[in-house]
C-alpha atoms as a PDB file:
ATOM      1  CA  MET A   1       2.059  -6.877  -1.649  1.00  0.00           C
ATOM      2  CA  THR A   2       0.604  -5.478  -4.209  1.00  0.00           C
ATOM      3  CA  GLY A   3      -2.803  -3.794  -4.812  1.00  0.00           C
ATOM      4  CA  VAL A   4      -4.780  -3.351  -8.075  1.00  0.00           C
ATOM      5  CA  ASP A   5      -8.204  -1.623  -8.233  1.00  0.00           C
ATOM      6  CA  ILE A   6     -10.022   0.330 -10.864  1.00  0.00           C
ATOM      7  CA  ALA A   7     -10.089   3.315  -8.746  1.00  0.00           C
ATOM      8  CA  PRO A   8      -6.966   5.690  -7.860  1.00  0.00           C
ATOM      9  CA  GLN A   9      -5.620   4.526  -4.027  1.00  0.00           C
ATOM     10  CA  PRO A  10      -3.583   7.132  -3.094  1.00  0.00           C
ATOM     11  CA  ARG A  11      -3.339   6.015   0.723  1.00  0.00           C
ATOM     12  CA  TYR A  12      -2.472   2.459  -0.078  1.00  0.00           C
ATOM     13  CA  PRO A  13       0.585   1.470   1.741  1.00  0.00           C
ATOM     14  CA  PHE A  14       2.042  -1.050  -0.831  1.00  0.00           C
ATOM     15  CA  GLU A  15       2.678  -1.263  -4.434  1.00  0.00           C
ATOM     16  CA  PHE A  16      -0.370  -0.131  -6.303  1.00  0.00           C
ATOM     17  CA  HIS A  17      -1.427  -0.218  -9.889  1.00  0.00           C
ATOM     18  CA  GLN A  18      -4.627   1.681 -10.992  1.00  0.00           C
ATOM     19  CA  ALA A  19      -5.686  -1.119 -13.303  1.00  0.00           C
ATOM     20  CA  ASP A  20      -8.836  -3.332 -14.147  1.00  0.00           C
ATOM     21  CA  ALA A  21      -8.028  -6.178 -11.777  1.00  0.00           C
ATOM     22  CA  MET A  22      -9.979  -8.382 -14.314  1.00  0.00           C
ATOM     23  CA  THR A  23      -7.160  -7.698 -17.228  1.00  0.00           C
ATOM     24  CA  PHE A  24      -4.057  -7.178 -15.241  1.00  0.00           C
ATOM     25  CA  PRO A  25      -1.416  -9.916 -15.871  1.00  0.00           C
ATOM     26  CA  LEU A  26      -1.077 -12.166 -12.598  1.00  0.00           C
ATOM     27  CA  ASP A  27       2.027 -13.855 -13.573  1.00  0.00           C
ATOM     28  CA  GLY A  28       4.383 -14.053 -11.423  1.00  0.00           C
ATOM     29  CA  PHE A  29       2.285 -13.706  -8.257  1.00  0.00           C
ATOM     30  CA  ASP A  30       2.891 -16.532  -5.605  1.00  0.00           C
ATOM     31  CA  ALA A  31      -0.624 -16.328  -4.008  1.00  0.00           C
ATOM     32  CA  ILE A  32      -3.688 -13.852  -4.885  1.00  0.00           C
ATOM     33  CA  HIS A  33      -6.406 -12.263  -2.794  1.00  0.00           C
ATOM     34  CA  ALA A  34      -9.322 -11.033  -4.560  1.00  0.00           C
ATOM     35  CA  SER A  35     -12.294  -8.849  -3.137  1.00  0.00           C
ATOM     36  CA  PRO A  36     -14.878  -8.283  -6.093  1.00  0.00           C
ATOM     37  CA  VAL A  37     -17.048  -5.488  -5.713  1.00  0.00           C
ATOM     38  CA  CYS A  38     -19.764  -6.860  -2.785  1.00  0.00           C
ATOM     39  CA  LYS A  39     -22.359  -3.972  -3.286  1.00  0.00           C
ATOM     40  CA  LEU A  40     -24.852  -6.198  -5.209  1.00  0.00           C
ATOM     41  CA  TRP A  41     -25.096  -8.511  -1.781  1.00  0.00           C
ATOM     42  CA  SER A  42     -24.330  -5.989   0.818  1.00  0.00           C
ATOM     43  CA  VAL A  43     -26.869  -5.250   3.770  1.00  0.00           C
ATOM     44  CA  ALA A  44     -25.758  -1.761   3.356  1.00  0.00           C
ATOM     45  CA  THR A  45     -26.913  -1.308  -0.272  1.00  0.00           C
ATOM     46  CA  PRO A  46     -30.753  -0.764  -0.521  1.00  0.00           C
ATOM     47  CA  ALA A  47     -33.034  -3.242  -2.363  1.00  0.00           C
ATOM     48  CA  TRP A  48     -33.696  -0.314  -4.988  1.00  0.00           C
ATOM     49  CA  ALA A  49     -30.303  -0.067  -5.750  1.00  0.00           C
ATOM     50  CA  ARG A  50     -29.103  -3.441  -6.286  1.00  0.00           C
ATOM     51  CA  GLY A  51     -29.681  -3.832  -9.856  1.00  0.00           C
ATOM     52  CA  ASN A  52     -26.990  -1.118 -10.238  1.00  0.00           C
ATOM     53  CA  HIS A  53     -24.431  -3.733  -9.292  1.00  0.00           C
ATOM     54  CA  GLN A  54     -22.608  -6.783 -11.177  1.00  0.00           C
ATOM     55  CA  ASN A  55     -21.659  -9.797 -10.146  1.00  0.00           C
ATOM     56  CA  GLN A  56     -18.154 -10.509 -10.273  1.00  0.00           C
ATOM     57  CA  ILE A  57     -17.290 -13.427  -8.296  1.00  0.00           C
ATOM     58  CA  PRO A  58     -17.923 -16.201 -11.147  1.00  0.00           C
ATOM     59  CA  GLN A  59     -15.638 -14.218 -13.182  1.00  0.00           C
ATOM     60  CA  VAL A  60     -12.940 -13.606 -10.722  1.00  0.00           C
ATOM     61  CA  ARG A  61     -13.202 -17.344  -9.746  1.00  0.00           C
ATOM     62  CA  ALA A  62     -12.760 -18.534 -13.196  1.00  0.00           C
ATOM     63  CA  ARG A  63      -9.822 -16.234 -13.553  1.00  0.00           C
ATOM     64  CA  LEU A  64      -8.050 -17.756 -10.334  1.00  0.00           C
ATOM     65  CA  LEU A  65      -8.755 -21.117 -11.385  1.00  0.00           C
ATOM     66  CA  ALA A  66      -6.974 -20.730 -14.658  1.00  0.00           C
ATOM     67  CA  ILE A  67      -3.514 -19.076 -12.882  1.00  0.00           C
ATOM     68  CA  GLY A  68      -2.667 -21.877 -10.642  1.00  0.00           C
ATOM     69  CA  VAL A  69      -1.461 -20.537  -8.038  1.00  0.00           C
ATOM     70  CA  PRO A  70      -3.297 -20.528  -4.336  1.00  0.00           C
ATOM     71  CA  TRP A  71      -5.722 -17.689  -4.136  1.00  0.00           C
ATOM     72  CA  VAL A  72      -8.545 -16.204  -1.821  1.00  0.00           C
ATOM     73  CA  ILE A  73     -11.808 -14.427  -2.981  1.00  0.00           C
ATOM     74  CA  GLU A  74     -13.278 -12.276  -0.124  1.00  0.00           C
ATOM     75  CA  ASN A  75     -16.720 -10.639   0.256  1.00  0.00           C
ATOM     76  CA  VAL A  76     -19.793  -9.820   2.370  1.00  0.00           C
ATOM     77  CA  PRO A  77     -22.034 -12.825   3.930  1.00  0.00           C
ATOM     78  CA  GLY A  78     -24.858 -13.622   1.121  1.00  0.00           C
ATOM     79  CA  ALA A  79     -22.427 -13.156  -1.683  1.00  0.00           C
ATOM     80  CA  PRO A  80     -22.239 -16.702  -3.728  1.00  0.00           C
ATOM     81  CA  LEU A  81     -18.941 -18.152  -2.424  1.00  0.00           C
ATOM     82  CA  ARG A  82     -18.319 -21.384  -0.745  1.00  0.00           C
ATOM     83  CA  PRO A  83     -17.435 -19.938   2.577  1.00  0.00           C
ATOM     84  CA  ASP A  84     -14.293 -22.045   3.861  1.00  0.00           C
ATOM     85  CA  TYR A  85     -13.786 -19.238   6.488  1.00  0.00           C
ATOM     86  CA  LYS A  86     -16.100 -16.798   8.086  1.00  0.00           C
ATOM     87  CA  LEU A  87     -14.214 -13.894   9.984  1.00  0.00           C
ATOM     88  CA  CYS A  88     -15.323 -11.166  12.103  1.00  0.00           C
ATOM     89  CA  GLY A  89     -13.417  -8.989  14.388  1.00  0.00           C
ATOM     90  CA  CYS A  90     -13.899 -10.910  17.618  1.00  0.00           C
ATOM     91  CA  ILE A  91     -12.073 -13.891  15.927  1.00  0.00           C
ATOM     92  CA  CYS A  92      -9.002 -11.805  14.487  1.00  0.00           C
ATOM     93  CA  GLY A  93      -7.892  -9.757  17.718  1.00  0.00           C
ATOM     94  CA  LEU A  94     -10.456  -6.689  16.829  1.00  0.00           C
ATOM     95  CA  PRO A  95     -13.088  -6.928  19.583  1.00  0.00           C
ATOM     96  CA  GLU A  96     -14.993  -3.895  18.831  1.00  0.00           C
ATOM     97  CA  LEU A  97     -15.285  -4.767  15.244  1.00  0.00           C
ATOM     98  CA  ARG A  98     -18.355  -6.336  14.148  1.00  0.00           C
ATOM     99  CA  ARG A  99     -17.832  -6.950  10.436  1.00  0.00           C
ATOM    100  CA  GLU A 100     -18.340 -10.714   9.249  1.00  0.00           C
ATOM    101  CA  ARG A 101     -16.542 -11.477   5.846  1.00  0.00           C
ATOM    102  CA  TRP A 102     -16.518 -14.483   3.573  1.00  0.00           C
ATOM    103  CA  PHE A 103     -13.109 -16.211   2.345  1.00  0.00           C
ATOM    104  CA  GLU A 104     -13.607 -18.633  -0.349  1.00  0.00           C
ATOM    105  CA  THR A 105      -9.878 -20.421  -0.612  1.00  0.00           C
ATOM    106  CA  SER A 106      -8.380 -22.879  -3.644  1.00  0.00           C
ATOM    107  CA  TRP A 107      -7.614 -24.646  -0.645  1.00  0.00           C
ATOM    108  CA  HIS A 108     -10.687 -25.383   0.622  1.00  0.00           C
ATOM    109  CA  GLY A 109      -9.890 -24.316   4.168  1.00  0.00           C
ATOM    110  CA  PHE A 110     -12.192 -25.520   7.107  1.00  0.00           C
ATOM    111  CA  GLU A 111     -12.318 -24.557  10.789  1.00  0.00           C
ATOM    112  CA  MET A 112     -14.955 -25.194  13.373  1.00  0.00           C
ATOM    113  CA  ARG A 113     -15.053 -22.636  15.938  1.00  0.00           C
ATOM    114  CA  PRO A 114     -17.795 -20.998  18.043  1.00  0.00           C
ATOM    115  CA  PRO A 115     -19.906 -18.403  16.592  1.00  0.00           C
ATOM    116  CA  CYS A 116     -18.963 -14.742  17.384  1.00  0.00           C
ATOM    117  CA  ILE A 117     -19.710 -12.751  20.423  1.00  0.00           C
ATOM    118  CA  HIS A 118     -20.448  -9.358  20.596  1.00  0.00           C
ATOM    119  CA  PRO A 119     -21.714  -7.711  24.032  1.00  0.00           C
ATOM    120  CA  PRO A 120     -24.688  -5.763  23.030  1.00  0.00           C
ATOM    121  CA  GLY A 121     -23.831  -1.641  23.046  1.00  0.00           C
ATOM    122  CA  SER A 122     -19.829  -2.723  22.741  1.00  0.00           C
ATOM    123  CA  VAL A 123     -19.369  -3.163  18.946  1.00  0.00           C
ATOM    124  CA  ILE A 124     -18.662  -0.770  15.946  1.00  0.00           C
ATOM    125  CA  THR A 125     -20.106  -1.628  12.386  1.00  0.00           C
ATOM    126  CA  VAL A 126     -18.261  -0.309   9.712  1.00  0.00           C
ATOM    127  CA  ALA A 127     -20.411   0.134   6.802  1.00  0.00           C
ATOM    128  CA  GLY A 128     -22.073   2.594   4.207  1.00  0.00           C
ATOM    129  CA  HIS A 129     -20.871   6.310   3.358  1.00  0.00           C
ATOM    130  CA  GLY A 130     -24.058   8.209   4.446  1.00  0.00           C
ATOM    131  CA  GLU A 131     -25.629   8.662   7.841  1.00  0.00           C
ATOM    132  CA  PRO A 132     -26.850   5.644   9.684  1.00  0.00           C
ATOM    133  CA  SER A 133     -29.779   3.773   8.319  1.00  0.00           C
ATOM    134  CA  GLY A 134     -31.807   1.037   9.529  1.00  0.00           C
ATOM    135  CA  PRO A 135     -30.201  -1.682   7.734  1.00  0.00           C
ATOM    136  CA  ARG A 136     -26.490  -0.682   9.478  1.00  0.00           C
ATOM    137  CA  MET A 137     -27.695   0.487  12.352  1.00  0.00           C
ATOM    138  CA  ALA A 138     -29.135  -3.179  13.206  1.00  0.00           C
ATOM    139  CA  HIS A 139     -25.449  -4.759  12.723  1.00  0.00           C
ATOM    140  CA  GLY A 140     -23.972  -2.132  15.566  1.00  0.00           C
ATOM    141  CA  VAL A 141     -23.343   1.217  16.374  1.00  0.00           C
ATOM    142  CA  ILE A 142     -22.266   3.251  13.369  1.00  0.00           C
ATOM    143  CA  ALA A 143     -19.481   5.298  14.681  1.00  0.00           C
ATOM    144  CA  HIS A 144     -17.219   8.182  13.844  1.00  0.00           C
ATOM    145  CA  LYS A 145     -14.463   7.546  11.748  1.00  0.00           C
ATOM    146  CA  ALA A 146     -11.690   7.826  14.359  1.00  0.00           C
ATOM    147  CA  ASP A 147     -13.920   4.569  15.915  1.00  0.00           C
ATOM    148  CA  TRP A 148     -14.098   2.755  12.742  1.00  0.00           C
ATOM    149  CA  GLU A 149      -9.998   3.452  12.498  1.00  0.00           C
ATOM    150  CA  ARG A 150      -9.311   2.103  16.011  1.00  0.00           C
ATOM    151  CA  ALA A 151     -11.898  -0.790  15.408  1.00  0.00           C
ATOM    152  CA  MET A 152     -10.080  -1.716  12.304  1.00  0.00           C
ATOM    153  CA  ARG A 153      -6.753  -0.566  13.332  1.00  0.00           C
ATOM    154  CA  ILE A 154      -6.289   1.330  10.099  1.00  0.00           C
ATOM    155  CA  GLY A 155      -5.290   4.744  10.190  1.00  0.00           C
ATOM    156  CA  TRP A 156      -4.284   6.019   6.668  1.00  0.00           C
ATOM    157  CA  MET A 157      -7.877   5.572   4.907  1.00  0.00           C
ATOM    158  CA  SER A 158     -10.488   8.230   4.365  1.00  0.00           C
ATOM    159  CA  ARG A 159     -14.236   7.261   5.717  1.00  0.00           C
ATOM    160  CA  ASP A 160     -15.037   6.068   2.362  1.00  0.00           C
ATOM    161  CA  GLU A 161     -12.059   3.615   1.847  1.00  0.00           C
ATOM    162  CA  LEU A 162     -12.584   2.666   5.463  1.00  0.00           C
ATOM    163  CA  ALA A 163     -15.953   1.451   4.457  1.00  0.00           C
ATOM    164  CA  GLN A 164     -14.504  -0.487   1.994  1.00  0.00           C
ATOM    165  CA  ALA A 165     -11.583  -2.064   3.439  1.00  0.00           C
ATOM    166  CA  ILE A 166     -10.857  -5.630   4.583  1.00  0.00           C
ATOM    167  CA  PRO A 167      -8.988  -5.302   8.318  1.00  0.00           C
ATOM    168  CA  PRO A 168      -5.343  -6.319   7.705  1.00  0.00           C
ATOM    169  CA  ALA A 169      -5.658  -8.603  10.573  1.00  0.00           C
ATOM    170  CA  TYR A 170      -8.242 -10.637   8.543  1.00  0.00           C
ATOM    171  CA  THR A 171      -5.637 -10.768   5.674  1.00  0.00           C
ATOM    172  CA  GLU A 172      -3.253 -11.740   7.941  1.00  0.00           C
ATOM    173  CA  TYR A 173      -5.421 -14.346   9.734  1.00  0.00           C
ATOM    174  CA  ILE A 174      -6.241 -15.950   5.981  1.00  0.00           C
ATOM    175  CA  GLY A 175      -2.457 -15.806   5.141  1.00  0.00           C
ATOM    176  CA  LYS A 176      -1.638 -17.924   7.832  1.00  0.00           C
ATOM    177  CA  GLN A 177      -4.206 -20.385   6.937  1.00  0.00           C
ATOM    178  CA  LEU A 178      -2.374 -20.521   3.594  1.00  0.00           C
ATOM    179  CA  ILE A 179       0.948 -21.097   5.173  1.00  0.00           C
ATOM    180  CA  ASP A 180      -0.292 -23.871   7.135  1.00  0.00           C
ATOM    181  CA  ALA A 181      -1.965 -25.388   4.168  1.00  0.00           C
ATOM    182  CA  LEU A 182       1.178 -25.275   1.721  1.00  0.00           C
ATOM    183  CA  SER A 183       3.003 -26.558   5.007  1.00  0.00           C
ATOM    184  CA  GLU A 184       0.798 -29.863   4.851  1.00  0.00           C
ATOM    185  CA  ALA A 185       0.655 -30.400   1.415  1.00  0.00           C
ATOM    186  CA  SER A 186       4.865 -30.323   1.236  1.00  0.00           C
END
């Protein structure tokens, strides 16, 4: 696993390169999981601030299509993706976590499943960087950092990093789908 981000990530637990992911060399990788900035589409971003953020998804998709290895693009609900997979904590063994994310894949994955079920008052939403606000409160309980760490099963990040993170359980789930797709293709 190799991480690339334009900002330093001192707590990233794997090989890391501080670089622009849009220009970082991608040769030599067997698969790529991209997470373009989601602030344009996030319900946690106030409407007045959305104009401050660029839609990176078309450029990321074009770059991934050109390299010829399996890929995944992850983002928030409402982003301009073809959501082959829609994951939430309840699907990935994280029952406290309400954090839906969409995944577009090069293999056009597909699953049919029942919708998420989160009992009222028992879920945690990990979103934003400030005090709880209306949009964030509407999606679950905004909790303390220790609650976020427990719900996401991530114990090595700052609060701001957690707010931006994809739970490893989601990436593991998508990785299993990739392995299955590659097995079926061979």
